[in-house]
C-alpha atoms as a PDB file:
ATOM      1  CA  MET A   1     -74.503  71.424   2.227  1.00  0.00           C
ATOM      2  CA  LEU A   2     -70.927  71.286   3.450  1.00  0.00           C
ATOM      3  CA  GLN A   3     -70.799  70.783   7.174  1.00  0.00           C
ATOM      4  CA  VAL A   4     -67.747  70.148   9.315  1.00  0.00           C
ATOM      5  CA  PRO A   5     -68.465  68.027  12.405  1.00  0.00           C
ATOM      6  CA  VAL A   6     -64.838  67.950  13.511  1.00  0.00           C
ATOM      7  CA  ARG A   7     -63.796  65.937  16.540  1.00  0.00           C
ATOM      8  CA  ARG A   8     -60.297  66.705  17.797  1.00  0.00           C
ATOM      9  CA  SER A   9     -57.729  64.283  19.084  1.00  0.00           C
ATOM     10  CA  SER A  10     -53.980  63.922  19.291  1.00  0.00           C
ATOM     11  CA  ALA A  11     -53.231  63.156  15.649  1.00  0.00           C
ATOM     12  CA  LEU A  12     -55.045  63.319  12.326  1.00  0.00           C
ATOM     13  CA  VAL A  13     -54.429  61.715   8.963  1.00  0.00           C
ATOM     14  CA  CYS A  14     -53.277  64.257   6.406  1.00  0.00           C
ATOM     15  CA  ALA A  15     -52.169  64.156   2.775  1.00  0.00           C
ATOM     16  CA  PRO A  16     -52.714  66.325  -0.303  1.00  0.00           C
ATOM     17  CA  CYS A  17     -56.169  65.783  -1.728  1.00  0.00           C
ATOM     18  CA  ILE A  18     -58.527  67.823  -3.943  1.00  0.00           C
ATOM     19  CA  LEU A  19     -62.123  66.922  -3.118  1.00  0.00           C
ATOM     20  CA  ALA A  20     -64.577  69.540  -4.251  1.00  0.00           C
ATOM     21  CA  GLY A  21     -67.636  67.397  -3.514  1.00  0.00           C
ATOM     22  CA  ALA A  22     -66.654  66.295  -0.052  1.00  0.00           C
ATOM     23  CA  VAL A  23     -67.486  67.242   3.502  1.00  0.00           C
ATOM     24  CA  PHE A  24     -64.408  67.542   5.722  1.00  0.00           C
ATOM     25  CA  ALA A  25     -64.457  66.005   9.202  1.00  0.00           C
ATOM     26  CA  ALA A  26     -62.952  63.453  11.566  1.00  0.00           C
ATOM     27  CA  ALA A  27     -59.770  62.625  13.386  1.00  0.00           C
ATOM     28  CA  ALA A  28     -57.220  59.869  13.882  1.00  0.00           C
ATOM     29  CA  THR A  29     -55.393  58.962  17.056  1.00  0.00           C
ATOM     30  CA  GLY A  30     -52.337  57.039  18.144  1.00  0.00           C
ATOM     31  CA  GLY A  31     -49.183  55.847  16.470  1.00  0.00           C
ATOM     32  CA  ASP A  32     -46.429  57.688  14.698  1.00  0.00           C
ATOM     33  CA  GLY A  33     -48.185  57.913  11.340  1.00  0.00           C
ATOM     34  CA  PRO A  34     -49.790  60.900   9.574  1.00  0.00           C
ATOM     35  CA  LYS A  35     -50.486  63.943  11.719  1.00  0.00           C
ATOM     36  CA  GLU A  36     -53.118  66.632  12.035  1.00  0.00           C
ATOM     37  CA  GLY A  37     -55.515  67.467   9.201  1.00  0.00           C
ATOM     38  CA  LYS A  38     -59.118  66.865   8.127  1.00  0.00           C
ATOM     39  CA  THR A  39     -60.624  63.795   6.534  1.00  0.00           C
ATOM     40  CA  PRO A  40     -63.045  64.235   3.614  1.00  0.00           C
ATOM     41  CA  THR A  41     -66.361  62.404   3.594  1.00  0.00           C
ATOM     42  CA  LEU A  42     -68.830  61.717   0.797  1.00  0.00           C
ATOM     43  CA  PRO A  43     -72.508  62.095   1.762  1.00  0.00           C
ATOM     44  CA  GLY A  44     -75.318  60.837  -0.436  1.00  0.00           C
ATOM     45  CA  HIS A  45     -76.337  57.331   0.581  1.00  0.00           C
ATOM     46  CA  GLN A  46     -79.502  56.964   2.635  1.00  0.00           C
ATOM     47  CA  GLY A  47     -78.470  53.686   4.281  1.00  0.00           C
ATOM     48  CA  SER A  48     -75.362  51.905   5.563  1.00  0.00           C
ATOM     49  CA  VAL A  49     -72.469  51.814   3.079  1.00  0.00           C
ATOM     50  CA  LEU A  50     -71.839  48.074   2.953  1.00  0.00           C
ATOM     51  CA  SER A  51     -69.128  48.027   0.280  1.00  0.00           C
ATOM     52  CA  VAL A  52     -66.578  50.338  -1.320  1.00  0.00           C
ATOM     53  CA  ALA A  53     -64.270  49.569  -4.250  1.00  0.00           C
ATOM     54  CA  PHE A  54     -61.811  51.586  -6.329  1.00  0.00           C
ATOM     55  CA  SER A  55     -61.510  51.027 -10.063  1.00  0.00           C
ATOM     56  CA  PRO A  56     -58.137  49.538 -11.085  1.00  0.00           C
ATOM     57  CA  ASP A  57     -56.960  52.928 -12.413  1.00  0.00           C
ATOM     58  CA  GLY A  58     -57.994  54.627  -9.173  1.00  0.00           C
ATOM     59  CA  LYS A  59     -60.215  57.159 -10.916  1.00  0.00           C
ATOM     60  CA  LEU A  60     -63.583  55.898  -9.677  1.00  0.00           C
ATOM     61  CA  LEU A  61     -64.903  54.774  -6.335  1.00  0.00           C
ATOM     62  CA  ALA A  62     -67.994  52.564  -6.271  1.00  0.00           C
ATOM     63  CA  SER A  63     -70.162  52.115  -3.175  1.00  0.00           C
ATOM     64  CA  GLY A  64     -73.036  49.752  -2.394  1.00  0.00           C
ATOM     65  CA  SER A  65     -75.629  50.503   0.251  1.00  0.00           C
ATOM     66  CA  ARG A  66     -78.659  49.374   2.186  1.00  0.00           C
ATOM     67  CA  ASP A  67     -80.508  52.112   0.286  1.00  0.00           C
ATOM     68  CA  ARG A  68     -80.533  49.677  -2.688  1.00  0.00           C
ATOM     69  CA  THR A  69     -78.235  51.818  -4.815  1.00  0.00           C
ATOM     70  CA  ILE A  70     -74.719  51.785  -6.180  1.00  0.00           C
ATOM     71  CA  LYS A  71     -73.038  55.172  -6.364  1.00  0.00           C
ATOM     72  CA  LEU A  72     -70.057  56.022  -8.540  1.00  0.00           C
ATOM     73  CA  TRP A  73     -67.787  58.826  -7.392  1.00  0.00           C
ATOM     74  CA  ASP A  74     -64.896  60.676  -8.974  1.00  0.00           C
ATOM     75  CA  ALA A  75     -62.164  59.511  -6.613  1.00  0.00           C
ATOM     76  CA  ARG A  76     -60.165  62.726  -6.959  1.00  0.00           C
ATOM     77  CA  SER A  77     -62.862  65.401  -6.759  1.00  0.00           C
ATOM     78  CA  GLY A  78     -65.414  63.511  -4.656  1.00  0.00           C
ATOM     79  CA  LYS A  79     -68.122  64.362  -7.179  1.00  0.00           C
ATOM     80  CA  LEU A  80     -71.013  61.931  -7.486  1.00  0.00           C
ATOM     81  CA  GLU A  81     -70.946  60.790 -11.108  1.00  0.00           C
ATOM     82  CA  ARG A  82     -73.824  58.328 -11.282  1.00  0.00           C
ATOM     83  CA  THR A  83     -76.328  56.321  -9.226  1.00  0.00           C
ATOM     84  CA  LEU A  84     -77.333  52.818 -10.322  1.00  0.00           C
ATOM     85  CA  THR A  85     -80.766  51.719  -9.144  1.00  0.00           C
ATOM     86  CA  GLU A  86     -81.441  48.273 -10.667  1.00  0.00           C
ATOM     87  CA  HIS A  87     -81.057  46.347  -7.400  1.00  0.00           C
ATOM     88  CA  THR A  88     -84.308  45.913  -5.492  1.00  0.00           C
ATOM     89  CA  ALA A  89     -82.778  45.449  -2.015  1.00  0.00           C
ATOM     90  CA  ASP A  90     -79.586  46.085  -0.011  1.00  0.00           C
ATOM     91  CA  VAL A  91     -76.379  46.005  -2.087  1.00  0.00           C
ATOM     92  CA  TYR A  92     -73.823  44.073  -0.031  1.00  0.00           C
ATOM     93  CA  ASP A  93     -70.839  44.047  -2.368  1.00  0.00           C
ATOM     94  CA  VAL A  94     -69.397  45.813  -5.388  1.00  0.00           C
ATOM     95  CA  THR A  95     -66.115  44.940  -7.064  1.00  0.00           C
ATOM     96  CA  PHE A  96     -64.345  45.956 -10.273  1.00  0.00           C
ATOM     97  CA  ALA A  97     -62.885  43.434 -12.691  1.00  0.00           C
ATOM     98  CA  PRO A  98     -59.080  43.573 -13.032  1.00  0.00           C
ATOM     99  CA  ALA A  99     -59.335  45.185 -16.475  1.00  0.00           C
ATOM    100  CA  GLY A 100     -61.761  47.790 -15.171  1.00  0.00           C
ATOM    101  CA  ASP A 101     -64.338  47.110 -17.882  1.00  0.00           C
ATOM    102  CA  LEU A 102     -66.827  45.392 -15.571  1.00  0.00           C
ATOM    103  CA  LEU A 103     -68.342  46.024 -12.168  1.00  0.00           C
ATOM    104  CA  ALA A 104     -70.012  43.176 -10.300  1.00  0.00           C
ATOM    105  CA  SER A 105     -72.642  43.791  -7.632  1.00  0.00           C
ATOM    106  CA  GLY A 106     -74.760  41.578  -5.420  1.00  0.00           C
ATOM    107  CA  GLY A 107     -76.991  41.727  -2.387  1.00  0.00           C
ATOM    108  CA  ARG A 108     -80.248  40.907  -0.704  1.00  0.00           C
ATOM    109  CA  ASP A 109     -82.191  40.450  -3.957  1.00  0.00           C
ATOM    110  CA  LYS A 110     -79.991  37.342  -4.628  1.00  0.00           C
ATOM    111  CA  VAL A 111     -79.067  38.561  -8.122  1.00  0.00           C
ATOM    112  CA  ILE A 112     -75.501  39.270  -9.224  1.00  0.00           C
ATOM    113  CA  ARG A 113     -75.290  41.999 -11.843  1.00  0.00           C
ATOM    114  CA  LEU A 114     -72.388  42.550 -14.220  1.00  0.00           C
ATOM    115  CA  TRP A 115     -72.173  46.146 -15.398  1.00  0.00           C
ATOM    116  CA  ASP A 116     -70.390  47.509 -18.468  1.00  0.00           C
ATOM    117  CA  THR A 117     -68.340  50.383 -17.016  1.00  0.00           C
ATOM    118  CA  ARG A 118     -68.392  52.292 -20.314  1.00  0.00           C
ATOM    119  CA  THR A 119     -72.181  52.482 -20.582  1.00  0.00           C
ATOM    120  CA  TRP A 120     -73.232  51.450 -17.041  1.00  0.00           C
ATOM    121  CA  LYS A 121     -75.759  49.060 -18.520  1.00  0.00           C
ATOM    122  CA  VAL A 122     -76.293  45.603 -17.041  1.00  0.00           C
ATOM    123  CA  LEU A 123     -74.627  43.066 -19.320  1.00  0.00           C
ATOM    124  CA  ARG A 124     -75.741  39.988 -17.383  1.00  0.00           C
ATOM    125  CA  ALA A 125     -77.816  39.094 -14.359  1.00  0.00           C
ATOM    126  CA  LEU A 126     -76.562  35.921 -12.658  1.00  0.00           C
ATOM    127  CA  GLU A 127     -79.246  34.050 -10.777  1.00  0.00           C
ATOM    128  CA  GLY A 128     -78.970  30.865  -8.723  1.00  0.00           C
ATOM    129  CA  HIS A 129     -78.186  31.737  -5.134  1.00  0.00           C
ATOM    130  CA  GLY A 130     -80.998  30.927  -2.723  1.00  0.00           C
ATOM    131  CA  ASP A 131     -80.290  33.767  -0.314  1.00  0.00           C
ATOM    132  CA  ILE A 132     -78.385  37.049   0.090  1.00  0.00           C
ATOM    133  CA  VAL A 133     -75.177  37.437  -1.937  1.00  0.00           C
ATOM    134  CA  ARG A 134     -72.668  38.737   0.594  1.00  0.00           C
ATOM    135  CA  SER A 135     -69.390  38.837  -1.321  1.00  0.00           C
ATOM    136  CA  LEU A 136     -67.932  38.827  -4.840  1.00  0.00           C
ATOM    137  CA  ALA A 137     -64.432  38.410  -6.269  1.00  0.00           C
ATOM    138  CA  PHE A 138     -63.080  38.281  -9.823  1.00  0.00           C
ATOM    139  CA  SER A 139     -60.270  35.876 -10.581  1.00  0.00           C
ATOM    140  CA  PRO A 140     -57.083  37.693 -11.645  1.00  0.00           C
ATOM    141  CA  ASP A 141     -57.553  36.514 -15.253  1.00  0.00           C
ATOM    142  CA  GLN A 142     -61.151  37.806 -15.143  1.00  0.00           C
ATOM    143  CA  LYS A 143     -62.555  34.539 -16.476  1.00  0.00           C
ATOM    144  CA  THR A 144     -64.354  33.594 -13.253  1.00  0.00           C
ATOM    145  CA  LEU A 145     -66.450  35.440 -10.691  1.00  0.00           C
ATOM    146  CA  ALA A 146     -66.726  33.891  -7.227  1.00  0.00           C
ATOM    147  CA  SER A 147     -69.717  34.642  -5.017  1.00  0.00           C
ATOM    148  CA  GLY A 148     -70.410  33.856  -1.368  1.00  0.00           C
ATOM    149  CA  SER A 149     -73.932  33.669  -0.010  1.00  0.00           C
ATOM    150  CA  VAL A 150     -76.077  33.272   3.061  1.00  0.00           C
ATOM    151  CA  ASP A 151     -77.280  30.055   1.339  1.00  0.00           C
ATOM    152  CA  LEU A 152     -74.018  28.451   2.668  1.00  0.00           C
ATOM    153  CA  THR A 153     -72.397  28.100  -0.762  1.00  0.00           C
ATOM    154  CA  VAL A 154     -69.612  29.568  -2.831  1.00  0.00           C
ATOM    155  CA  ARG A 155     -70.445  29.689  -6.528  1.00  0.00           C
ATOM    156  CA  LEU A 156     -68.123  30.113  -9.487  1.00  0.00           C
ATOM    157  CA  TRP A 157     -69.488  31.850 -12.579  1.00  0.00           C
ATOM    158  CA  ASP A 158     -68.110  32.070 -16.110  1.00  0.00           C
ATOM    159  CA  VAL A 159     -67.686  35.789 -16.716  1.00  0.00           C
ATOM    160  CA  PRO A 160     -67.949  35.796 -20.556  1.00  0.00           C
ATOM    161  CA  THR A 161     -71.215  33.818 -20.601  1.00  0.00           C
ATOM    162  CA  GLY A 162     -72.676  34.205 -17.126  1.00  0.00           C
ATOM    163  CA  ALA A 163     -73.019  30.445 -16.779  1.00  0.00           C
ATOM    164  CA  LEU A 164     -72.629  28.730 -13.413  1.00  0.00           C
ATOM    165  CA  LYS A 165     -69.414  26.689 -13.518  1.00  0.00           C
ATOM    166  CA  GLN A 166     -69.353  25.143 -10.066  1.00  0.00           C
ATOM    167  CA  THR A 167     -70.887  25.222  -6.588  1.00  0.00           C
ATOM    168  CA  LEU A 168     -68.595  24.722  -3.606  1.00  0.00           C
ATOM    169  CA  PRO A 169     -70.431  23.332  -0.554  1.00  0.00           C
ATOM    170  CA  GLY A 170     -68.909  22.767   2.865  1.00  0.00           C
ATOM    171  CA  HIS A 171     -69.574  25.800   5.037  1.00  0.00           C
ATOM    172  CA  THR A 172     -72.265  25.162   7.628  1.00  0.00           C
ATOM    173  CA  LYS A 173     -73.348  28.771   8.068  1.00  0.00           C
ATOM    174  CA  ARG A 174     -73.561  31.805   5.804  1.00  0.00           C
ATOM    175  CA  VAL A 175     -70.566  32.652   3.618  1.00  0.00           C
ATOM    176  CA  MET A 176     -69.545  36.208   4.393  1.00  0.00           C
ATOM    177  CA  SER A 177     -66.491  36.817   2.206  1.00  0.00           C
ATOM    178  CA  VAL A 178     -64.601  35.406  -0.782  1.00  0.00           C
ATOM    179  CA  ALA A 179     -61.184  36.382  -2.157  1.00  0.00           C
ATOM    180  CA  TYR A 180     -58.772  35.161  -4.831  1.00  0.00           C
ATOM    181  CA  ALA A 181     -55.053  34.913  -4.209  1.00  0.00           C
ATOM    182  CA  PRO A 182     -53.101  37.260  -6.501  1.00  0.00           C
ATOM    183  CA  ASP A 183     -51.787  34.339  -8.584  1.00  0.00           C
ATOM    184  CA  GLY A 184     -55.321  33.044  -9.113  1.00  0.00           C
ATOM    185  CA  MET A 185     -54.467  29.550  -7.882  1.00  0.00           C
ATOM    186  CA  THR A 186     -56.300  29.715  -4.546  1.00  0.00           C
ATOM    187  CA  LEU A 187     -59.774  30.900  -3.621  1.00  0.00           C
ATOM    188  CA  ALA A 188     -60.538  31.659   0.027  1.00  0.00           C
ATOM    189  CA  SER A 189     -63.942  31.836   1.685  1.00  0.00           C
ATOM    190  CA  ALA A 190     -64.954  32.913   5.181  1.00  0.00           C
ATOM    191  CA  SER A 191     -68.082  32.001   7.070  1.00  0.00           C
ATOM    192  CA  SER A 192     -70.139  32.563  10.167  1.00  0.00           C
ATOM    193  CA  ASP A 193     -69.239  28.945  10.995  1.00  0.00           C
ATOM    194  CA  GLN A 194     -65.955  30.376  12.406  1.00  0.00           C
ATOM    195  CA  THR A 195     -63.790  28.944   9.624  1.00  0.00           C
ATOM    196  CA  ALA A 196     -62.023  30.072   6.503  1.00  0.00           C
ATOM    197  CA  ARG A 197     -61.571  27.594   3.675  1.00  0.00           C
ATOM    198  CA  LEU A 198     -58.884  27.485   1.005  1.00  0.00           C
ATOM    199  CA  TRP A 199     -59.938  26.004  -2.332  1.00  0.00           C
ATOM    200  CA  ASP A 200     -58.055  25.024  -5.466  1.00  0.00           C
ATOM    201  CA  ALA A 201     -59.345  27.712  -7.812  1.00  0.00           C
ATOM    202  CA  ARG A 202     -58.956  25.484 -10.882  1.00  0.00           C
ATOM    203  CA  THR A 203     -60.657  22.333  -9.639  1.00  0.00           C
ATOM    204  CA  GLY A 204     -62.763  23.519  -6.699  1.00  0.00           C
ATOM    205  CA  ALA A 205     -61.103  20.970  -4.427  1.00  0.00           C
ATOM    206  CA  LEU A 206     -60.885  21.911  -0.755  1.00  0.00           C
ATOM    207  CA  ARG A 207     -57.245  22.350   0.264  1.00  0.00           C
ATOM    208  CA  ARG A 208     -57.437  23.455   3.867  1.00  0.00           C
ATOM    209  CA  VAL A 209     -59.808  24.599   6.624  1.00  0.00           C
ATOM    210  CA  LEU A 210     -58.504  27.362   8.881  1.00  0.00           C
ATOM    211  CA  THR A 211     -59.816  27.143  12.433  1.00  0.00           C
ATOM    212  CA  GLY A 212     -59.106  29.160  15.550  1.00  0.00           C
ATOM    213  CA  HIS A 213     -61.510  32.086  15.575  1.00  0.00           C
ATOM    214  CA  THR A 214     -64.093  31.868  18.369  1.00  0.00           C
ATOM    215  CA  GLY A 215     -66.696  33.926  16.540  1.00  0.00           C
ATOM    216  CA  GLY A 216     -68.084  34.055  13.040  1.00  0.00           C
ATOM    217  CA  LEU A 217     -65.804  35.430  10.341  1.00  0.00           C
ATOM    218  CA  GLU A 218     -66.785  38.654   8.610  1.00  0.00           C
ATOM    219  CA  CYS A 219     -64.128  39.386   5.984  1.00  0.00           C
ATOM    220  CA  ILE A 220     -60.911  38.044   4.440  1.00  0.00           C
ATOM    221  CA  ALA A 221     -58.124  39.567   2.346  1.00  0.00           C
ATOM    222  CA  PHE A 222     -54.951  38.156   0.804  1.00  0.00           C
ATOM    223  CA  SER A 223     -51.627  39.931   1.127  1.00  0.00           C
ATOM    224  CA  PRO A 224     -50.330  41.264  -2.219  1.00  0.00           C
ATOM    225  CA  ASP A 225     -47.778  38.439  -2.422  1.00  0.00           C
ATOM    226  CA  GLY A 226     -50.442  35.847  -1.604  1.00  0.00           C
ATOM    227  CA  LYS A 227     -48.477  34.371   1.296  1.00  0.00           C
ATOM    228  CA  LEU A 228     -50.795  35.580   4.072  1.00  0.00           C
ATOM    229  CA  LEU A 229     -54.551  35.704   4.518  1.00  0.00           C
ATOM    230  CA  ALA A 230     -56.113  38.202   6.922  1.00  0.00           C
ATOM    231  CA  SER A 231     -59.437  37.292   8.530  1.00  0.00           C
ATOM    232  CA  SER A 232     -61.661  39.481  10.692  1.00  0.00           C
ATOM    233  CA  SER A 233     -64.188  38.116  13.128  1.00  0.00           C
ATOM    234  CA  GLN A 234     -66.978  38.701  15.574  1.00  0.00           C
ATOM    235  CA  ASP A 235     -64.485  37.564  18.240  1.00  0.00           C
ATOM    236  CA  THR A 236     -62.919  41.083  18.020  1.00  0.00           C
ATOM    237  CA  THR A 237     -59.650  39.864  16.461  1.00  0.00           C
ATOM    238  CA  VAL A 238     -57.912  39.815  13.123  1.00  0.00           C
ATOM    239  CA  ARG A 239     -55.805  36.762  12.370  1.00  0.00           C
ATOM    240  CA  LEU A 240     -52.997  36.604   9.832  1.00  0.00           C
ATOM    241  CA  TRP A 241     -52.660  33.083   8.431  1.00  0.00           C
ATOM    242  CA  ASP A 242     -49.736  31.521   6.597  1.00  0.00           C
ATOM    243  CA  VAL A 243     -51.436  30.254   3.440  1.00  0.00           C
ATOM    244  CA  ALA A 244     -48.866  27.526   2.805  1.00  0.00           C
ATOM    245  CA  THR A 245     -49.050  25.968   6.277  1.00  0.00           C
ATOM    246  CA  GLY A 246     -52.414  27.093   7.644  1.00  0.00           C
ATOM    247  CA  GLN A 247     -50.698  28.344  10.802  1.00  0.00           C
ATOM    248  CA  VAL A 248     -51.516  31.681  12.473  1.00  0.00           C
ATOM    249  CA  ARG A 249     -48.699  34.214  12.183  1.00  0.00           C
ATOM    250  CA  HIS A 250     -50.287  36.926  14.321  1.00  0.00           C
ATOM    251  CA  ILE A 251     -53.487  37.598  16.236  1.00  0.00           C
ATOM    252  CA  LEU A 252     -54.263  41.305  16.139  1.00  0.00           C
ATOM    253  CA  LYS A 253     -56.068  42.439  19.289  1.00  0.00           C
ATOM    254  CA  GLY A 254     -57.373  45.867  20.203  1.00  0.00           C
ATOM    255  CA  HIS A 255     -60.886  46.262  18.820  1.00  0.00           C
ATOM    256  CA  GLN A 256     -63.809  46.170  21.239  1.00  0.00           C
ATOM    257  CA  SER A 257     -66.459  44.582  19.029  1.00  0.00           C
ATOM    258  CA  GLU A 258     -66.985  42.570  15.846  1.00  0.00           C
ATOM    259  CA  ILE A 259     -64.709  43.514  12.955  1.00  0.00           C
ATOM    260  CA  ASP A 260     -66.712  43.832   9.753  1.00  0.00           C
ATOM    261  CA  SER A 261     -63.912  44.534   7.300  1.00  0.00           C
ATOM    262  CA  VAL A 262     -60.214  44.020   6.680  1.00  0.00           C
ATOM    263  CA  ALA A 263     -57.931  45.138   3.847  1.00  0.00           C
ATOM    264  CA  TYR A 264     -54.267  44.942   2.862  1.00  0.00           C
ATOM    265  CA  ALA A 265     -52.469  47.998   1.503  1.00  0.00           C
ATOM    266  CA  PRO A 266     -51.144  47.428  -2.037  1.00  0.00           C
ATOM    267  CA  ASP A 267     -47.532  47.429  -0.804  1.00  0.00           C
ATOM    268  CA  GLY A 268     -48.343  44.790   1.805  1.00  0.00           C
ATOM    269  CA  GLN A 269     -46.960  46.912   4.638  1.00  0.00           C
ATOM    270  CA  THR A 270     -50.261  47.735   6.348  1.00  0.00           C
ATOM    271  CA  VAL A 271     -53.402  45.852   7.315  1.00  0.00           C
ATOM    272  CA  ALA A 272     -56.496  47.955   8.015  1.00  0.00           C
ATOM    273  CA  SER A 273     -59.459  46.710  10.048  1.00  0.00           C
ATOM    274  CA  GLY A 274     -62.851  48.374  10.449  1.00  0.00           C
ATOM    275  CA  CYS A 275     -65.051  47.628  13.437  1.00  0.00           C
ATOM    276  CA  LYS A 276     -68.453  48.016  15.034  1.00  0.00           C
ATOM    277  CA  ASP A 277     -66.605  49.983  17.765  1.00  0.00           C
ATOM    278  CA  LYS A 278     -66.494  52.904  15.260  1.00  0.00           C
ATOM    279  CA  THR A 279     -62.726  52.743  14.742  1.00  0.00           C
ATOM    280  CA  ILE A 280     -60.291  51.740  12.027  1.00  0.00           C
ATOM    281  CA  LYS A 281     -56.981  50.279  13.127  1.00  0.00           C
ATOM    282  CA  LEU A 282     -53.787  50.158  11.080  1.00  0.00           C
ATOM    283  CA  TRP A 283     -51.452  47.231  11.811  1.00  0.00           C
ATOM    284  CA  ASP A 284     -47.940  46.172  10.906  1.00  0.00           C
ATOM    285  CA  PRO A 285     -48.417  42.712   9.353  1.00  0.00           C
ATOM    286  CA  ASP A 286     -44.779  41.760   9.913  1.00  0.00           C
ATOM    287  CA  THR A 287     -44.891  42.229  13.685  1.00  0.00           C
ATOM    288  CA  GLY A 288     -48.620  42.352  14.452  1.00  0.00           C
ATOM    289  CA  ALA A 289     -48.137  45.704  16.171  1.00  0.00           C
ATOM    290  CA  LEU A 290     -50.838  48.367  16.176  1.00  0.00           C
ATOM    291  CA  ARG A 291     -49.592  51.476  14.380  1.00  0.00           C
ATOM    292  CA  GLN A 292     -52.560  53.809  14.519  1.00  0.00           C
ATOM    293  CA  THR A 293     -56.257  54.118  15.345  1.00  0.00           C
ATOM    294  CA  LEU A 294     -58.502  56.258  13.145  1.00  0.00           C
ATOM    295  CA  THR A 295     -61.596  57.761  14.733  1.00  0.00           C
ATOM    296  CA  GLY A 296     -64.350  60.095  13.641  1.00  0.00           C
ATOM    297  CA  PRO A 297     -67.242  57.972  12.335  1.00  0.00           C
ATOM    298  CA  GLN A 298     -70.194  57.947  14.731  1.00  0.00           C
ATOM    299  CA  THR A 299     -71.383  54.485  13.653  1.00  0.00           C
ATOM    300  CA  ARG A 300     -69.837  51.099  12.804  1.00  0.00           C
ATOM    301  CA  ILE A 301     -67.333  50.690  10.002  1.00  0.00           C
ATOM    302  CA  GLU A 302     -68.977  48.412   7.449  1.00  0.00           C
ATOM    303  CA  SER A 303     -66.405  48.372   4.638  1.00  0.00           C
ATOM    304  CA  LEU A 304     -62.807  49.233   3.742  1.00  0.00           C
ATOM    305  CA  THR A 305     -60.626  49.393   0.642  1.00  0.00           C
ATOM    306  CA  PHE A 306     -57.287  50.920  -0.326  1.00  0.00           C
ATOM    307  CA  SER A 307     -56.819  52.858  -3.548  1.00  0.00           C
ATOM    308  CA  PRO A 308     -54.546  51.117  -6.082  1.00  0.00           C
ATOM    309  CA  ASP A 309     -51.671  53.504  -5.276  1.00  0.00           C
ATOM    310  CA  GLY A 310     -52.168  52.990  -1.543  1.00  0.00           C
ATOM    311  CA  MET A 311     -52.508  56.710  -0.885  1.00  0.00           C
ATOM    312  CA  THR A 312     -56.167  56.600   0.206  1.00  0.00           C
ATOM    313  CA  LEU A 313     -58.140  54.296   2.471  1.00  0.00           C
ATOM    314  CA  ALA A 314     -61.886  54.474   1.819  1.00  0.00           C
ATOM    315  CA  SER A 315     -64.327  53.326   4.483  1.00  0.00           C
ATOM    316  CA  GLY A 316     -68.090  53.040   4.544  1.00  0.00           C
ATOM    317  CA  SER A 317     -70.017  53.680   7.746  1.00  0.00           C
ATOM    318  CA  GLY A 318     -73.291  52.191   8.875  1.00  0.00           C
ATOM    319  CA  GLY A 319     -76.483  53.319  10.481  1.00  0.00           C
ATOM    320  CA  PRO A 320     -77.855  56.846  10.086  1.00  0.00           C
ATOM    321  CA  GLU A 321     -74.427  58.328   9.254  1.00  0.00           C
ATOM    322  CA  ALA A 322     -74.085  56.427   5.964  1.00  0.00           C
ATOM    323  CA  LEU A 323     -70.930  58.241   4.881  1.00  0.00           C
ATOM    324  CA  ILE A 324     -67.879  57.291   2.859  1.00  0.00           C
ATOM    325  CA  TRP A 325     -64.693  58.445   4.564  1.00  0.00           C
ATOM    326  CA  LEU A 326     -61.526  59.024   2.527  1.00  0.00           C
ATOM    327  CA  TRP A 327     -58.486  58.691   4.751  1.00  0.00           C
ATOM    328  CA  PRO A 328     -55.294  60.000   3.100  1.00  0.00           C
ATOM    329  CA  MET A 329     -52.441  57.649   3.933  1.00  0.00           C
ATOM    330  CA  GLY A 330     -49.101  59.338   4.649  1.00  0.00           C
ATOM    331  CA  ARG A 331     -45.779  58.031   3.416  1.00  0.00           C
END
């Protein structure tokens, strides 16, 4: 089963990693970062990997796919631990609660499921969205789950009961991404209407609308200190916004197509972006400079996430490849 479709280039990401269940492949180019090695991949999904998420302790990696399943992997060995099959259509997002005791998932079947991570049974099914659930985010205190949908709304759910607390209207096209600031005071949403919105997470009041992208937004991510918000767009750029002022700090240019995913490293020193052009780019958020380009996937990059210790960047690829790539991050 293990195949090695290696593509060579000038520099590869390399770091110690024990992955018994993984295929090794790929390459990374450019920059002065990690050098030559091989990047492990996790095969198993039969459709695009639309979401990847590490558990807070870094031991598990969850993935959601167009094949209607959620897969749970041992993040160290690469072994497939379990496949969850309750969704009846594409799974667009998976995310762990801060305490690690819950996993939330949502997708094309419009139902948000909350899973008990000890038993992997569904504790609650949250229904109310009128279209695809594209994105999910737990508040830092784990009391609220935010969801963004193609039905143009952001919804806030009470985690202990599953009750709908509030619906936030305002976007004029589908909501693609939601994210809480680390202090839990601000909720951000991003939409195909080319805007990001900042909401008061306690009251649901709209604080600010961020405009400037010339294409629909795909993904957003707060910096670990909550001062910056990264947004990726169909206009081929990533923008770094000052949350306090709403001003753009940097516009990151270099991708050749729409950017489906963006993520901050836990130390705040790197922004990663994944694109339809089949590359991942690593940026310096302080200067906006491109540090490195990772290549190897043969199809678009659908999803990205850093491990809690920042030592691994996981990406999910689309189309027929449908692989999870585990990029060891050098220090």
